Protein backbone atom coordinates (compact mmCIF):
# COMPACT_ATOMS: atom_id res chain seq x y z
CA UNK A 1 9.98 -24.53 -8.50
CA UNK A 2 9.06 -23.78 -4.87
CA UNK A 3 6.73 -20.92 -3.97
CA UNK A 4 9.48 -19.28 -1.91
CA UNK A 5 11.88 -19.31 -4.84
CA UNK A 6 9.25 -17.86 -7.17
CA UNK A 7 8.57 -15.08 -4.65
CA UNK A 8 12.29 -14.34 -4.42
CA UNK A 9 12.81 -14.21 -8.18
CA UNK A 10 9.77 -11.97 -8.68
CA UNK A 11 10.99 -9.57 -6.00
CA UNK A 12 14.50 -9.63 -7.47
CA UNK A 13 13.15 -8.69 -10.89
CA UNK A 14 10.66 -6.01 -9.83
CA UNK A 15 12.35 -4.43 -6.81
CA UNK A 16 15.32 -2.77 -8.55
CA UNK A 17 13.09 -1.57 -11.39
CA UNK A 18 10.67 0.12 -8.98
CA UNK A 19 13.52 1.73 -7.04
CA UNK A 20 15.13 2.98 -10.24
CA UNK A 21 11.88 4.62 -11.37
CA UNK A 22 11.36 6.07 -7.89
CA UNK A 23 14.85 7.57 -7.98
CA UNK A 24 14.21 8.97 -11.46
CA UNK A 25 10.96 10.58 -10.33
CA UNK A 26 9.06 12.92 -12.63
CA UNK A 27 6.65 11.61 -15.22
CA UNK A 28 8.07 8.07 -15.06
CA UNK A 29 7.23 7.65 -11.39
CA UNK A 30 3.83 9.32 -11.84
CA UNK A 31 3.04 6.91 -14.67
CA UNK A 32 4.13 3.93 -12.56
CA UNK A 33 1.95 4.93 -9.60
CA UNK A 34 -1.00 5.69 -11.89
CA UNK A 35 -0.66 2.20 -13.39
CA UNK A 36 -0.48 0.69 -9.90
CA UNK A 37 -3.62 2.61 -8.89
CA UNK A 38 -5.46 1.42 -11.99
CA UNK A 39 -4.52 -2.24 -11.55
CA UNK A 40 -5.16 -2.13 -7.81
CA UNK A 41 -8.59 -0.56 -8.34
CA UNK A 42 -9.43 -3.20 -10.94
CA UNK A 43 -8.50 -5.98 -8.53
CA UNK A 44 -10.54 -4.31 -5.78
CA UNK A 45 -13.59 -4.08 -8.03
CA UNK A 46 -13.36 -7.74 -9.01
CA UNK A 47 -12.73 -8.78 -5.41
CA UNK A 48 -15.72 -6.91 -3.95
CA UNK A 49 -18.17 -7.36 -6.81
CA UNK A 50 -17.17 -10.65 -8.41
CA UNK A 51 -19.36 -11.55 -11.37
CA UNK A 52 -21.44 -8.41 -10.67
CA UNK A 53 -18.55 -6.18 -11.78
CA UNK A 54 -20.17 -4.48 -14.77
CA UNK A 55 -17.79 -2.79 -17.27
CA UNK A 56 -19.18 0.69 -16.55
CA UNK A 57 -18.85 0.20 -12.81
CA UNK A 58 -15.30 -1.08 -13.13
CA UNK A 59 -14.43 1.89 -15.35
CA UNK A 60 -15.77 4.29 -12.70
CA UNK A 61 -13.81 2.63 -9.90
CA UNK A 62 -10.58 2.57 -11.90
CA UNK A 63 -10.98 6.01 -13.45
CA UNK A 64 -11.79 7.87 -10.25
CA UNK A 65 -9.08 6.01 -8.32
CA UNK A 66 -6.42 7.12 -10.79
CA UNK A 67 -7.78 10.67 -11.11
CA UNK A 68 -7.97 11.25 -7.34
CA UNK A 69 -4.52 9.76 -6.86
CA UNK A 70 -2.99 12.15 -9.39
CA UNK A 71 -4.80 15.15 -7.88
CA UNK A 72 -3.49 14.23 -4.42
CA UNK A 73 0.09 14.57 -5.61
CA UNK A 74 -0.31 18.36 -5.76
CA UNK A 75 -3.49 19.05 -3.78
CA UNK A 76 -4.06 16.45 -1.01
CA UNK A 77 -7.30 17.99 0.25
CA UNK A 78 -8.83 18.16 -3.22
CA UNK A 79 -7.70 14.64 -4.08
CA UNK A 80 -9.13 13.24 -0.84
CA UNK A 81 -12.42 15.07 -1.39
CA UNK A 82 -12.69 13.78 -4.95
CA UNK A 83 -11.97 10.21 -3.79
CA UNK A 84 -14.59 10.32 -1.04
CA UNK A 85 -17.27 11.89 -3.24
CA UNK A 86 -16.55 9.41 -6.03
CA UNK A 87 -16.75 6.54 -3.55
CA UNK A 88 -20.12 7.75 -2.30
CA UNK A 89 -21.34 8.21 -5.86
CA UNK A 90 -20.30 4.68 -6.83
CA UNK A 91 -22.00 3.30 -3.73
CA UNK A 92 -25.24 5.07 -4.65
CA UNK A 93 -24.89 3.88 -8.25
CA UNK A 94 -24.50 0.24 -7.19
CA UNK A 95 -27.44 0.49 -4.77
CA UNK A 96 -29.70 1.94 -7.46
CA UNK A 97 -28.61 -0.81 -9.82
CA UNK A 98 -29.40 -3.43 -7.19
CA UNK A 99 -25.81 -4.71 -7.18
CA UNK A 100 -24.58 -6.39 -4.00
CA UNK A 101 -21.37 -5.25 -2.30
CA UNK A 102 -22.15 -1.59 -2.94
CA UNK A 103 -20.49 -0.06 0.10
CA UNK A 104 -17.26 -2.00 -0.26
CA UNK A 105 -17.06 -1.31 -4.00
CA UNK A 106 -17.35 2.43 -3.39
CA UNK A 107 -14.82 2.34 -0.54
CA UNK A 108 -12.23 1.11 -3.03
CA UNK A 109 -11.79 4.57 -4.57
CA UNK A 110 -10.55 6.39 -1.44
CA UNK A 111 -8.73 3.23 -0.32
CA UNK A 112 -6.67 3.06 -3.51
CA UNK A 113 -6.47 6.77 -4.32
CA UNK A 114 -5.37 8.00 -0.89
CA UNK A 115 -2.71 5.31 -0.54
CA UNK A 116 -1.17 5.75 -3.97
CA UNK A 117 -1.69 9.51 -3.93
CA UNK A 118 0.24 9.75 -0.67
CA UNK A 119 3.23 8.06 -2.29
CA UNK A 120 3.08 10.55 -5.16
CA UNK A 121 2.78 13.45 -2.73
CA UNK A 122 5.80 12.29 -0.71
CA UNK A 123 7.95 11.91 -3.84
CA UNK A 124 6.84 15.33 -5.14
CA UNK A 125 8.12 17.24 -2.11
CA UNK A 126 10.90 19.65 -3.09
CA UNK A 127 14.37 18.65 -1.88
CA UNK A 128 13.10 15.96 0.52
CA UNK A 129 10.88 13.97 -1.86
CA UNK A 130 13.37 11.26 -2.78
CA UNK A 131 14.27 10.60 0.85
CA UNK A 132 10.64 10.49 2.00
CA UNK A 133 9.55 8.12 -0.75
CA UNK A 134 12.55 5.83 -0.28
CA UNK A 135 11.97 5.83 3.47
CA UNK A 136 8.39 4.58 3.31
CA UNK A 137 9.00 2.13 0.46
CA UNK A 138 12.06 0.54 2.09
CA UNK A 139 10.44 0.46 5.52
CA UNK A 140 7.34 -1.33 4.19
CA UNK A 141 9.35 -3.77 2.09
CA UNK A 142 11.72 -4.50 4.97
CA UNK A 143 8.77 -5.07 7.31
CA UNK A 144 7.31 -7.61 4.89
CA UNK A 145 10.59 -9.51 4.59
CA UNK A 146 11.30 -9.37 8.31
CA UNK A 147 7.82 -10.53 9.24
CA UNK A 148 8.01 -13.41 6.77
CA UNK A 149 11.43 -14.52 8.02
CA UNK A 150 10.62 -14.21 11.73
CA UNK A 151 7.23 -15.83 11.34
CA UNK A 152 8.66 -18.87 9.55
CA UNK A 153 11.74 -19.30 11.75
CA UNK A 154 10.24 -18.51 15.17
CA UNK A 155 6.54 -19.24 14.82
CA UNK A 156 4.57 -18.94 18.04
CA UNK A 157 1.18 -17.39 18.80
CA UNK A 158 -0.89 -16.26 15.85
CA UNK A 159 -1.64 -12.59 15.32
CA UNK A 160 -5.22 -12.99 14.05
CA UNK A 161 -5.74 -16.62 12.99
CA UNK A 162 -9.33 -16.19 11.85
CA UNK A 163 -8.26 -13.65 9.22
CA UNK A 164 -4.67 -14.61 8.42
CA UNK A 165 -3.63 -18.01 9.85
CA UNK A 166 0.07 -17.65 8.97
CA UNK A 167 0.79 -14.29 10.62
CA UNK A 168 2.35 -14.41 14.08
CA UNK A 169 3.30 -11.97 16.82
CA UNK A 170 6.92 -12.93 16.23
CA UNK A 171 6.50 -11.94 12.61
CA UNK A 172 5.09 -8.57 13.59
CA UNK A 173 8.04 -7.89 15.91
CA UNK A 174 10.51 -9.07 13.28
CA UNK A 175 8.90 -6.75 10.74
CA UNK A 176 9.11 -3.83 13.15
CA UNK A 177 12.82 -4.40 13.74
CA UNK A 178 13.74 -4.75 10.07
CA UNK A 179 11.59 -1.74 9.12
CA UNK A 180 13.31 0.26 11.86
CA UNK A 181 16.76 -0.75 10.64
CA UNK A 182 16.05 0.20 7.04
CA UNK A 183 14.29 3.38 8.10
CA UNK A 184 17.28 4.39 10.22
CA UNK A 185 19.65 3.47 7.40
CA UNK A 186 17.72 5.66 4.95
CA UNK A 187 17.85 8.56 7.39
CA UNK A 188 21.60 8.17 7.83
CA UNK A 189 22.08 8.05 4.07
CA UNK A 190 20.45 11.49 3.92
CA UNK A 191 22.55 12.83 6.79
CA UNK A 192 19.93 12.59 9.56
CA UNK A 193 20.00 11.16 13.07
CA UNK A 194 18.63 7.58 12.98
CA UNK A 195 16.80 7.38 16.33
CA UNK A 196 13.43 8.93 15.44
CA UNK A 197 13.36 7.42 11.93
CA UNK A 198 13.97 3.97 13.49
CA UNK A 199 11.01 4.34 15.85
CA UNK A 200 8.73 5.81 13.20
CA UNK A 201 9.54 3.07 10.69
CA UNK A 202 8.76 0.45 13.33
CA UNK A 203 5.40 2.16 13.84
CA UNK A 204 4.78 2.21 10.10
CA UNK A 205 5.40 -1.54 10.09
CA UNK A 206 2.54 -1.99 12.57
CA UNK A 207 0.22 0.19 10.47
CA UNK A 208 1.30 -1.69 7.35
CA UNK A 209 0.51 -4.99 9.05
CA UNK A 210 -2.95 -3.65 9.88
CA UNK A 211 -3.38 -2.80 6.20
CA UNK A 212 -2.31 -6.31 5.27
CA UNK A 213 -4.83 -7.81 7.70
CA UNK A 214 -7.58 -5.59 6.33
CA UNK A 215 -6.97 -6.84 2.81
CA UNK A 216 -6.83 -10.44 4.10
CA UNK A 217 -10.22 -9.93 5.74
CA UNK A 218 -11.61 -8.60 2.46
CA UNK A 219 -10.31 -11.65 0.61
CA UNK A 220 -11.94 -13.94 3.15
CA UNK A 221 -15.17 -12.02 2.71
CA UNK A 222 -14.92 -12.62 -1.04
CA UNK A 223 -13.82 -16.27 -0.60
CA UNK A 224 -10.62 -15.87 -2.59
CA UNK A 225 -6.99 -16.67 -1.75
CA UNK A 226 -5.31 -13.84 -3.69
CA UNK A 227 -6.54 -10.55 -5.10
CA UNK A 228 -5.20 -11.61 -8.51
CA UNK A 229 -2.40 -13.48 -10.25
CA UNK A 230 -0.34 -10.62 -11.66
CA UNK A 231 2.92 -11.31 -9.79
CA UNK A 232 4.19 -14.92 -9.77
CA UNK A 233 4.48 -16.24 -6.23
CA UNK A 234 2.93 -13.10 -4.73
CA UNK A 235 -0.64 -13.13 -6.05
CA UNK A 236 -2.26 -9.90 -7.10
CA UNK A 237 -0.97 -6.36 -6.97
CA UNK A 238 -3.13 -5.53 -3.95
CA UNK A 239 -1.45 -8.38 -2.09
CA UNK A 240 1.84 -6.49 -2.50
CA UNK A 241 0.73 -2.92 -1.85
CA UNK A 242 -1.82 -3.41 0.95
CA UNK A 243 0.70 -2.38 3.62
CA UNK A 244 1.84 0.63 1.58
CA UNK A 245 -1.73 1.83 1.16
CA UNK A 246 -1.94 2.17 4.96
CA UNK A 247 1.60 3.32 5.78
CA UNK A 248 2.11 6.03 3.13
CA UNK A 249 -0.92 8.17 4.12
CA UNK A 250 0.18 8.04 7.77
CA UNK A 251 3.67 9.25 6.90
CA UNK A 252 2.21 12.02 4.75
CA UNK A 253 -0.04 13.18 7.62
CA UNK A 254 2.77 13.04 10.18
CA UNK A 255 5.08 14.94 7.85
CA UNK A 256 2.46 17.65 7.38
CA UNK A 257 1.56 17.91 11.07
CA UNK A 258 5.21 18.08 12.10
CA UNK A 259 5.92 20.94 9.73
CA UNK A 260 8.26 18.79 7.67
CA UNK A 261 10.36 17.46 10.57
CA UNK A 262 9.28 13.80 10.40
CA UNK A 263 10.84 11.36 9.80
CA UNK A 264 13.78 13.79 9.96
CA UNK A 265 14.14 17.59 9.73
């Protein structure tokens, strides 16, 4: 079976399930995001530390990532503070233990917690939560599909060949367009004007691509192809959520700064 077909079947199986849990919300969605944070933190620990990933250290990275993510859902400032302090503490712990990769291991806690916590915070907003969460999830997914399709069909100059040889400028533009279309469609479904949501979703696609490139750079640093093998055809969980970890916090910040008027009033 081809890699493309495996990717398609995996997405077909997981996509509707994730959307159904997102629509349900409540404890089910919280449990899903907590599980994602735990698995993502585990992959991060193994990616940055390799064979030096001691059980206690891995438990600290995973535990604090999940805890800070859950706190962020209700108290963003407290959750962010906990994530940063935990990251610093883990960095100090690894330095004192003489373990290499200390700084990057500690960075994993705010990296995972802020990204997943932002998704929880968006979904938890009264009245607008479902629309906000759907907006960012669909925009990021659409950007990934659009970038993949445009990159393969058009090709052209590479975006950053040293870090990710397959990504192209055409792919980035394709991802921006598809993210904009799905973002605008989500806004219309909730009775909002599509113009601003289109532009914002296109911007989120760029930020998501930056998040993807960051994770690719980390994999190159660790000399691995994928962050794991959890999802057939897609690699590890971090390989699927790297764009979301960058885009969701940005949407949360913009929504807060706009007084709740972005992506739509």
